[in-house]
Amino acid sequence: MSKFVLIVLGAATVTFLATGGHTLFPGIARHPQGNIGTSCRIKGNISINSGERIYHVPGQEYYDETRISPQYGERWFCSEEDAQAAGWRRARR
């Protein structure tokens, strides 16, 4: 391969990665179970303080403030049964 081709491929790769292109399917990145739609609204959050796996359902005190970060192992669930089966407990508030 010529140097020009290598430079172009390298630049394209850097641009692709720098702009978040490594996430080919953004829905899957946000929701590890795939494109879950609107029915999977239970937030599986990992406590910063204790590392405990806690899920929040709509209407609970901190539901709106809770953010899901899949890169830290947090995830969405479609039912409380799914969350409990995966080893998560319901938030107390």
Protein backbone atom coordinates (compact mmCIF):
# COMPACT_ATOMS: atom_id res chain seq x y z
CA MET A 1 0.00 0.00 0.00
CA SER A 2 1.19 3.48 -0.72
CA LYS A 3 1.89 6.00 2.02
CA PHE A 4 -1.00 8.13 0.78
CA VAL A 5 -3.50 5.30 1.25
CA LEU A 6 -2.15 4.58 4.74
CA ILE A 7 -2.40 8.25 5.70
CA VAL A 8 -5.98 8.48 4.41
CA LEU A 9 -7.00 5.29 6.22
CA GLY A 10 -5.32 6.48 9.42
CA ALA A 11 -7.01 9.88 9.26
CA ALA A 12 -10.38 8.29 8.54
CA THR A 13 -9.97 5.92 11.49
CA VAL A 14 -9.02 8.74 13.87
CA THR A 15 -11.98 10.82 12.70
CA PHE A 16 -14.34 7.86 12.99
CA LEU A 17 -13.28 7.13 16.57
CA ALA A 18 -13.04 10.77 17.67
CA THR A 19 -16.61 11.50 16.59
CA GLY A 20 -18.08 8.53 18.41
CA GLY A 21 -18.31 6.43 15.28
CA HIS A 22 -17.18 3.38 17.22
CA THR A 23 -20.80 3.23 18.35
CA LEU A 24 -22.34 1.87 15.19
CA PHE A 25 -25.70 1.27 16.85
CA PRO A 26 -26.37 4.10 19.32
CA GLY A 27 -29.57 2.49 20.62
CA ILE A 28 -27.63 -0.56 21.72
CA ALA A 29 -24.99 1.59 23.40
CA ARG A 30 -27.64 3.35 25.49
CA HIS A 31 -29.58 0.19 26.23
CA PRO A 32 -27.44 -2.95 26.47
CA GLN A 33 -30.39 -5.23 25.69
CA GLY A 34 -30.72 -3.64 22.28
CA ASN A 35 -33.37 -1.25 21.03
CA ILE A 36 -35.68 -1.61 24.01
CA GLY A 37 -38.24 1.00 23.05
CA THR A 38 -40.29 2.79 25.68
CA SER A 39 -41.48 -0.24 27.66
CA CYS A 40 -38.12 -0.79 29.39
CA ARG A 41 -38.01 2.13 31.77
CA ILE A 42 -36.49 0.56 34.87
CA LYS A 43 -33.06 2.03 35.58
CA GLY A 44 -30.39 -0.32 36.89
CA ASN A 45 -27.91 1.89 38.75
CA ILE A 46 -24.73 0.94 40.61
CA SER A 47 -24.13 2.87 43.83
CA ILE A 48 -20.93 4.92 43.79
CA ASN A 49 -20.56 4.53 47.56
CA SER A 50 -21.26 0.84 48.06
CA GLY A 51 -21.15 -0.73 44.61
CA GLU A 52 -24.61 -2.13 45.29
CA ARG A 53 -26.84 -2.79 42.26
CA ILE A 54 -30.11 -0.90 42.70
CA TYR A 55 -32.98 -0.44 40.28
CA HIS A 56 -35.35 2.52 40.13
CA VAL A 57 -38.88 2.45 38.73
CA PRO A 58 -40.79 5.45 37.35
CA GLY A 59 -42.38 7.46 40.14
CA GLN A 60 -39.73 6.74 42.76
CA GLU A 61 -38.07 9.68 44.49
CA TYR A 62 -34.75 9.69 42.61
CA TYR A 63 -35.89 8.14 39.32
CA ASP A 64 -35.63 11.34 37.26
CA GLU A 65 -32.19 12.22 38.65
CA THR A 66 -30.78 8.73 38.10
CA ARG A 67 -28.57 8.46 35.00
CA ILE A 68 -27.58 5.16 33.43
CA SER A 69 -23.94 4.72 32.37
CA PRO A 70 -23.60 1.40 30.49
CA GLN A 71 -19.80 1.76 30.44
CA TYR A 72 -19.91 1.24 34.24
CA GLY A 73 -22.18 -1.80 34.08
CA GLU A 74 -25.44 0.06 34.58
CA ARG A 75 -28.39 -0.93 32.44
CA TRP A 76 -32.10 -0.75 31.67
CA PHE A 77 -34.65 -3.42 32.59
CA CYS A 78 -38.07 -4.17 31.12
CA SER A 79 -39.55 -5.57 34.34
CA GLU A 80 -38.80 -5.73 38.04
CA GLU A 81 -38.61 -9.50 37.69
CA ASP A 82 -35.79 -9.12 35.13
CA ALA A 83 -33.91 -6.77 37.46
CA GLN A 84 -34.29 -9.08 40.46
CA ALA A 85 -33.29 -12.14 38.43
CA ALA A 86 -30.11 -10.29 37.42
CA GLY A 87 -29.29 -9.66 41.10
CA TRP A 88 -30.47 -6.06 41.50
CA ARG A 89 -32.64 -4.78 44.37
CA ARG A 90 -35.39 -2.16 44.31
CA ALA A 91 -34.49 1.33 45.54
CA ARG A 92 -35.92 2.09 48.97
CA ARG A 93 -37.22 5.53 47.94
